N, C-alpha and C. Protein backbone atom coordinates (compact mmCIF):
# COMPACT_ATOMS: atom_id res chain seq x y z
N UNK A 1 -103.22 66.96 20.24
CA UNK A 1 -101.90 66.66 19.36
C UNK A 1 -101.77 65.07 19.54
N UNK A 2 -101.75 64.36 18.35
CA UNK A 2 -101.58 62.87 18.63
C UNK A 2 -100.40 62.59 18.67
N UNK A 3 -100.06 61.73 19.52
CA UNK A 3 -98.75 60.96 19.70
C UNK A 3 -98.48 59.75 19.06
N UNK A 4 -97.37 59.37 18.85
CA UNK A 4 -97.05 58.09 18.24
C UNK A 4 -97.74 56.73 18.87
N UNK A 5 -97.70 57.09 20.31
CA UNK A 5 -98.39 56.01 21.08
C UNK A 5 -99.77 55.87 20.91
N UNK A 6 -100.49 56.95 20.29
CA UNK A 6 -101.98 57.04 20.30
C UNK A 6 -102.40 56.61 18.94
N UNK A 7 -101.32 55.99 18.01
CA UNK A 7 -101.78 55.78 16.71
C UNK A 7 -102.40 54.44 16.61
N UNK A 8 -103.44 54.24 15.50
CA UNK A 8 -104.11 53.11 15.49
C UNK A 8 -103.51 51.98 14.80
N UNK A 9 -103.73 50.84 14.78
CA UNK A 9 -103.01 49.94 13.87
C UNK A 9 -103.14 50.32 12.40
N UNK A 10 -104.38 50.97 11.91
CA UNK A 10 -104.41 51.32 10.59
C UNK A 10 -103.39 52.33 10.11
N UNK A 11 -103.24 53.25 11.12
CA UNK A 11 -101.89 54.35 10.97
C UNK A 11 -100.64 53.81 10.80
N UNK A 12 -100.37 52.96 11.71
CA UNK A 12 -99.11 52.22 11.83
C UNK A 12 -98.75 51.17 10.44
N UNK A 13 -99.79 50.77 9.90
CA UNK A 13 -99.87 49.94 8.69
C UNK A 13 -99.41 51.09 7.41
N UNK A 14 -100.15 52.07 7.52
CA UNK A 14 -99.95 53.24 6.53
C UNK A 14 -98.61 53.73 6.48
N UNK A 15 -98.10 53.89 7.71
CA UNK A 15 -96.78 54.59 7.97
C UNK A 15 -95.70 53.41 7.48
N UNK A 16 -96.10 52.31 7.77
CA UNK A 16 -94.96 51.19 7.35
C UNK A 16 -95.06 51.13 5.84
N UNK A 17 -96.21 51.27 5.34
CA UNK A 17 -96.35 50.98 3.78
C UNK A 17 -95.39 52.06 3.01
N UNK A 18 -95.47 53.32 3.66
CA UNK A 18 -94.93 54.32 3.06
C UNK A 18 -93.08 54.19 3.04
N UNK A 19 -92.75 53.55 4.23
CA UNK A 19 -91.49 53.32 4.62
C UNK A 19 -91.24 52.03 3.45
N UNK A 20 -91.83 51.22 3.41
CA UNK A 20 -91.74 49.94 2.53
C UNK A 20 -91.79 50.52 1.08
N UNK A 21 -92.66 51.47 0.68
CA UNK A 21 -92.37 52.05 -0.93
C UNK A 21 -91.15 52.87 -0.85
N UNK A 22 -90.69 53.70 0.16
CA UNK A 22 -89.60 54.29 -0.14
C UNK A 22 -88.25 53.45 -0.29
N UNK A 23 -88.29 52.15 0.71
CA UNK A 23 -87.09 51.43 0.64
C UNK A 23 -87.07 50.52 -0.64
N UNK A 24 -88.11 50.16 -1.20
CA UNK A 24 -88.29 49.45 -2.38
C UNK A 24 -87.90 50.43 -3.68
N UNK A 25 -88.15 51.74 -3.74
CA UNK A 25 -87.74 52.71 -4.53
C UNK A 25 -86.40 52.78 -4.67
N UNK A 26 -85.92 52.86 -3.40
CA UNK A 26 -84.28 52.91 -3.42
C UNK A 26 -83.57 51.71 -3.64
N UNK A 27 -84.26 50.60 -3.98
CA UNK A 27 -83.58 49.53 -4.43
C UNK A 27 -83.09 48.69 -3.21
N UNK A 28 -83.51 48.83 -2.02
CA UNK A 28 -82.87 48.41 -0.78
C UNK A 28 -83.72 47.23 -0.10
N UNK A 29 -82.94 46.28 0.46
CA UNK A 29 -83.58 45.21 1.32
C UNK A 29 -83.74 45.73 2.71
N UNK A 30 -84.49 44.86 3.22
CA UNK A 30 -84.73 45.32 4.92
C UNK A 30 -83.23 45.21 5.51
N UNK A 31 -82.49 44.35 5.34
CA UNK A 31 -81.17 44.28 5.94
C UNK A 31 -80.40 45.39 5.48
N UNK A 32 -80.37 45.74 4.24
CA UNK A 32 -79.49 46.97 3.99
C UNK A 32 -80.09 48.28 4.60
N UNK A 33 -81.45 48.60 4.74
CA UNK A 33 -81.90 49.80 5.13
C UNK A 33 -81.49 49.81 6.77
N UNK A 34 -81.83 48.46 7.32
CA UNK A 34 -81.47 48.31 8.86
C UNK A 34 -80.13 48.96 8.99
N UNK A 35 -78.95 48.33 8.16
CA UNK A 35 -77.72 48.51 8.29
C UNK A 35 -77.47 50.11 8.11
N UNK A 36 -78.06 50.64 7.08
CA UNK A 36 -77.94 51.95 6.89
C UNK A 36 -78.41 52.94 7.91
N UNK A 37 -79.35 52.44 8.67
CA UNK A 37 -79.74 53.29 9.77
C UNK A 37 -79.26 52.99 11.15
N UNK A 38 -78.03 51.88 11.12
CA UNK A 38 -77.50 51.63 12.23
C UNK A 38 -78.25 50.68 13.26
N UNK A 39 -79.05 49.89 12.53
CA UNK A 39 -79.93 48.73 13.52
C UNK A 39 -78.97 47.47 13.34
N UNK A 40 -79.25 46.62 14.21
CA UNK A 40 -78.56 45.38 14.22
C UNK A 40 -79.33 44.34 13.59
N UNK A 41 -80.74 44.54 13.37
CA UNK A 41 -81.65 43.53 12.89
C UNK A 41 -82.42 44.21 11.82
N UNK A 42 -82.75 43.14 10.77
CA UNK A 42 -83.85 43.65 9.68
C UNK A 42 -85.24 43.46 10.36
N UNK A 43 -85.43 42.81 11.42
CA UNK A 43 -86.72 42.66 11.98
C UNK A 43 -87.36 43.95 12.51
N UNK A 44 -86.53 44.73 12.92
CA UNK A 44 -87.21 46.10 13.39
C UNK A 44 -87.74 46.79 12.03
N UNK A 45 -87.15 46.68 11.00
CA UNK A 45 -87.66 47.40 9.77
C UNK A 45 -88.88 46.51 9.35
N UNK A 46 -88.84 45.26 9.19
CA UNK A 46 -89.74 44.36 8.99
C UNK A 46 -91.00 44.69 9.90
N UNK A 47 -90.86 44.75 11.45
CA UNK A 47 -92.00 45.12 12.00
C UNK A 47 -92.67 46.35 11.80
N UNK A 48 -91.75 47.32 11.50
CA UNK A 48 -92.38 48.49 11.33
C UNK A 48 -93.37 48.65 9.89
N UNK A 49 -92.63 47.90 8.90
CA UNK A 49 -93.45 47.93 7.62
C UNK A 49 -94.66 47.35 7.76
N UNK A 50 -94.76 46.35 8.40
CA UNK A 50 -96.05 45.61 8.52
C UNK A 50 -97.13 46.19 9.53
N UNK A 51 -96.47 47.26 10.30
CA UNK A 51 -97.47 47.92 11.33
C UNK A 51 -97.44 47.10 12.54
N UNK A 52 -96.71 46.18 12.83
CA UNK A 52 -96.56 45.39 13.83
C UNK A 52 -95.88 46.12 15.03
N UNK A 53 -94.86 46.87 14.80
CA UNK A 53 -94.13 47.55 15.52
C UNK A 53 -94.19 49.21 15.35
N UNK A 54 -94.24 49.78 16.46
CA UNK A 54 -93.90 51.33 16.36
C UNK A 54 -92.46 51.63 16.55
N UNK A 55 -91.96 52.49 15.68
CA UNK A 55 -90.86 53.04 15.58
C UNK A 55 -90.49 54.19 16.63
N UNK A 56 -89.39 54.15 17.25
CA UNK A 56 -89.09 55.30 18.18
C UNK A 56 -89.09 56.53 17.45
N UNK A 57 -89.16 57.94 18.22
CA UNK A 57 -88.96 58.87 17.42
C UNK A 57 -87.79 59.28 16.68
N UNK A 58 -86.77 58.86 17.46
CA UNK A 58 -85.44 58.78 16.73
C UNK A 58 -85.21 57.99 15.48
N UNK A 59 -85.74 56.91 15.35
CA UNK A 59 -85.68 56.02 14.42
C UNK A 59 -86.46 56.86 13.27
N UNK A 60 -88.04 57.29 13.49
CA UNK A 60 -88.52 58.06 12.45
C UNK A 60 -87.75 58.90 11.86
N UNK A 61 -87.13 59.80 12.54
CA UNK A 61 -86.40 60.96 12.43
C UNK A 61 -85.34 60.47 11.34
N UNK A 62 -84.50 59.30 11.82
CA UNK A 62 -83.67 58.83 11.00
C UNK A 62 -84.08 58.48 9.57
N UNK A 63 -85.21 57.74 9.42
CA UNK A 63 -85.76 57.20 8.26
C UNK A 63 -86.21 58.48 7.29
N UNK A 64 -86.76 59.34 7.80
CA UNK A 64 -87.18 60.76 7.01
C UNK A 64 -86.03 61.28 6.38
N UNK A 65 -84.96 61.43 7.45
CA UNK A 65 -83.65 62.15 7.09
C UNK A 65 -83.11 61.30 5.91
N UNK A 66 -82.77 59.84 6.04
CA UNK A 66 -82.41 59.03 5.21
C UNK A 66 -83.00 59.17 3.65
N UNK A 67 -84.23 59.24 3.73
CA UNK A 67 -84.97 59.07 2.31
C UNK A 67 -85.38 60.69 1.82
N UNK A 68 -84.99 61.57 2.79
CA UNK A 68 -85.17 62.98 2.56
C UNK A 68 -86.54 63.37 2.18
N UNK A 69 -87.41 62.77 3.05
CA UNK A 69 -88.83 63.06 2.94
C UNK A 69 -89.33 63.88 4.34
N UNK A 70 -90.39 64.70 4.15
CA UNK A 70 -90.88 65.69 5.50
C UNK A 70 -91.34 64.43 6.41
N UNK A 71 -91.12 64.54 7.62
CA UNK A 71 -91.56 63.76 8.64
C UNK A 71 -93.29 63.84 8.52
N UNK A 72 -93.83 64.80 8.23
CA UNK A 72 -95.13 64.89 8.27
C UNK A 72 -95.80 63.72 7.26
N UNK A 73 -95.07 63.81 6.08
CA UNK A 73 -95.64 62.95 4.87
C UNK A 73 -95.34 61.53 5.55
N UNK A 74 -94.12 61.30 6.00
CA UNK A 74 -93.89 59.82 6.56
C UNK A 74 -94.99 59.45 7.65
N UNK A 75 -95.33 60.26 8.33
CA UNK A 75 -96.37 60.02 9.48
C UNK A 75 -97.93 59.87 8.85
N UNK A 76 -97.96 60.14 7.50
CA UNK A 76 -99.29 60.13 6.92
C UNK A 76 -100.01 61.49 6.96
N UNK A 77 -99.57 62.59 7.34
CA UNK A 77 -100.12 63.80 7.47
C UNK A 77 -100.05 64.47 6.05
N UNK A 78 -100.80 65.35 5.79
CA UNK A 78 -100.86 66.34 4.64
C UNK A 78 -99.60 67.27 4.71
N UNK A 79 -99.09 67.29 3.56
CA UNK A 79 -97.77 68.27 3.46
C UNK A 79 -98.06 69.55 3.50
N UNK A 80 -97.37 70.45 4.36
CA UNK A 80 -97.73 71.62 4.36
C UNK A 80 -97.17 72.49 3.30
N UNK A 81 -97.84 73.57 3.00
CA UNK A 81 -97.45 74.46 1.57
C UNK A 81 -96.05 74.70 1.99
N UNK A 82 -95.38 74.95 0.75
CA UNK A 82 -93.92 75.31 0.95
C UNK A 82 -93.09 74.20 1.33
N UNK A 83 -93.38 72.84 1.70
CA UNK A 83 -92.50 72.01 1.99
C UNK A 83 -91.82 71.39 0.73
N UNK A 84 -90.58 70.62 0.59
CA UNK A 84 -90.25 70.17 -0.53
C UNK A 84 -91.11 68.94 -1.02
N UNK A 85 -90.96 68.72 -2.11
CA UNK A 85 -91.64 67.49 -2.87
C UNK A 85 -91.14 66.43 -2.19
N UNK A 86 -92.12 65.48 -1.98
CA UNK A 86 -91.58 64.12 -1.08
C UNK A 86 -90.66 63.49 -2.05
N UNK A 87 -89.46 63.25 -1.12
CA UNK A 87 -88.43 62.37 -2.00
C UNK A 87 -87.34 63.30 -2.56
N UNK A 88 -87.85 64.51 -2.76
CA UNK A 88 -86.83 65.59 -3.28
C UNK A 88 -86.49 66.65 -2.50
N UNK A 89 -85.52 66.59 -1.77
CA UNK A 89 -84.98 67.71 -0.76
C UNK A 89 -84.21 68.55 -1.66
N UNK A 90 -84.66 69.66 -1.93
CA UNK A 90 -83.83 70.62 -2.91
C UNK A 90 -82.93 71.56 -1.86
N UNK A 91 -81.57 71.33 -2.26
CA UNK A 91 -80.59 71.90 -1.48
C UNK A 91 -79.41 72.42 -2.37
N UNK A 92 -79.47 72.22 -3.72
CA UNK A 92 -78.48 72.78 -4.83
C UNK A 92 -78.85 74.17 -5.12
N UNK A 93 -77.78 75.04 -5.33
CA UNK A 93 -77.98 76.40 -5.64
C UNK A 93 -78.64 76.72 -6.80
N UNK A 94 -78.45 75.81 -7.97
CA UNK A 94 -78.97 75.79 -9.19
C UNK A 94 -80.41 75.50 -9.16
N UNK A 95 -80.99 74.46 -8.51
CA UNK A 95 -82.30 74.07 -8.25
C UNK A 95 -83.17 75.13 -7.58
N UNK A 96 -82.36 75.80 -6.49
CA UNK A 96 -83.08 76.67 -5.83
C UNK A 96 -83.45 78.02 -6.80
N UNK A 97 -82.22 78.38 -7.58
CA UNK A 97 -82.63 79.65 -8.35
C UNK A 97 -83.70 79.36 -9.30
N UNK A 98 -83.68 77.94 -9.83
CA UNK A 98 -85.01 77.72 -10.61
C UNK A 98 -86.39 78.03 -9.97
N UNK A 99 -86.47 77.57 -8.84
CA UNK A 99 -87.57 77.56 -7.93
C UNK A 99 -88.05 79.30 -7.76
N UNK A 100 -86.84 79.76 -7.05
CA UNK A 100 -87.05 81.24 -6.95
C UNK A 100 -87.38 82.07 -8.47
N UNK A 101 -86.83 81.70 -9.40
CA UNK A 101 -87.32 82.47 -10.75
C UNK A 101 -88.63 81.90 -11.12
N UNK A 102 -89.16 80.67 -10.88
CA UNK A 102 -90.71 80.21 -11.13
C UNK A 102 -91.57 81.08 -10.06
N UNK A 103 -91.19 81.43 -8.88
CA UNK A 103 -92.03 82.11 -7.81
C UNK A 103 -91.98 83.63 -8.29
N UNK A 104 -90.99 84.06 -9.15
CA UNK A 104 -91.17 85.42 -9.72
C UNK A 104 -91.86 85.75 -10.74
N UNK A 105 -92.37 84.75 -11.42
CA UNK A 105 -93.27 84.75 -12.71
C UNK A 105 -94.78 85.07 -12.11
N UNK A 106 -95.39 85.76 -13.15
CA UNK A 106 -96.80 86.14 -13.10
C UNK A 106 -97.47 84.72 -13.41
N UNK A 107 -98.75 84.74 -13.21
CA UNK A 107 -99.74 83.49 -13.47
C UNK A 107 -99.56 83.34 -15.10
N UNK A 108 -99.61 84.43 -15.84
CA UNK A 108 -99.70 84.22 -17.33
C UNK A 108 -98.38 83.79 -17.67
N UNK A 109 -97.17 84.12 -17.17
CA UNK A 109 -95.71 83.65 -17.54
C UNK A 109 -95.64 82.24 -17.15
N UNK A 110 -96.40 81.87 -15.98
CA UNK A 110 -96.14 80.50 -15.60
C UNK A 110 -96.94 79.40 -16.64
N UNK A 111 -98.11 80.06 -17.13
CA UNK A 111 -99.01 79.25 -17.98
C UNK A 111 -98.35 79.04 -19.42
N UNK A 112 -97.46 80.22 -19.75
CA UNK A 112 -96.57 80.11 -21.11
C UNK A 112 -95.60 79.13 -20.81
N UNK A 113 -94.88 79.18 -19.78
CA UNK A 113 -93.89 78.34 -19.41
C UNK A 113 -94.12 76.73 -19.48
N UNK A 114 -95.32 76.26 -18.88
CA UNK A 114 -95.80 75.14 -18.74
C UNK A 114 -96.16 74.48 -19.99
N UNK A 115 -96.78 75.50 -21.03
CA UNK A 115 -97.14 75.01 -22.34
C UNK A 115 -95.68 74.80 -23.09
N UNK A 116 -94.74 75.68 -22.77
CA UNK A 116 -93.70 75.28 -23.57
C UNK A 116 -93.05 73.97 -23.14
N UNK A 117 -92.77 73.76 -21.84
CA UNK A 117 -92.21 72.85 -21.06
C UNK A 117 -93.17 71.41 -21.05
N UNK A 118 -94.44 71.49 -21.39
CA UNK A 118 -95.22 70.57 -21.49
C UNK A 118 -95.22 69.66 -19.95
N UNK A 119 -95.52 70.60 -19.02
CA UNK A 119 -95.65 70.09 -17.68
C UNK A 119 -97.10 70.55 -17.16
N UNK A 120 -97.59 70.10 -16.21
CA UNK A 120 -99.04 70.45 -15.50
C UNK A 120 -98.75 71.67 -14.87
N UNK A 121 -99.69 72.47 -14.72
CA UNK A 121 -99.63 73.83 -13.85
C UNK A 121 -100.55 73.42 -12.85
N UNK A 122 -99.93 73.63 -11.44
CA UNK A 122 -100.79 73.38 -10.16
C UNK A 122 -101.12 74.78 -9.86
N UNK A 123 -102.42 74.81 -9.64
CA UNK A 123 -103.13 76.01 -9.27
C UNK A 123 -103.95 75.57 -7.96
N UNK A 124 -103.35 76.19 -6.78
CA UNK A 124 -104.04 75.75 -5.33
C UNK A 124 -105.26 76.49 -5.28
N UNK A 125 -106.13 76.04 -4.07
CA UNK A 125 -107.48 76.63 -3.88
C UNK A 125 -107.40 78.25 -4.04
N UNK A 126 -106.14 78.75 -3.68
CA UNK A 126 -106.42 80.43 -3.69
C UNK A 126 -106.18 80.81 -4.93
N UNK A 127 -106.11 80.16 -6.15
CA UNK A 127 -106.19 80.68 -7.54
C UNK A 127 -104.81 81.01 -8.09
N UNK A 128 -103.75 81.06 -7.33
CA UNK A 128 -102.57 81.57 -7.92
C UNK A 128 -101.84 80.47 -8.12
N UNK A 129 -101.10 80.46 -9.37
CA UNK A 129 -100.09 79.44 -9.48
C UNK A 129 -98.86 79.10 -8.65
N UNK A 130 -98.70 77.81 -7.97
CA UNK A 130 -97.72 77.69 -6.99
C UNK A 130 -96.35 77.84 -7.70
């Protein structure tokens, strides 16, 4: 199992790039993100974003929680099946009901729905629509 201390410079730069992308998408400056996370200086965020500094585990959790992204994604890992979409934590009852309804549909019903809604149908390797 890899620990954050064993990550390469390339890994750290990739993680920093993801954090920077999230920050910019949220319209935040480095000082604003630092303040939101309870950090005293933007230099910590700058160092992480460039891959020059390693964030502590607690800070990585805080960043993942703040942006509502899975820690696996933030660390550059593949998202496990069943995880919430990146940046989209689903916790409202109406959204959960729609997802539950989608899961109850047959593959043919899903195909009909995506045609009507004009959205792509994702079919994983096992051949069943997600």
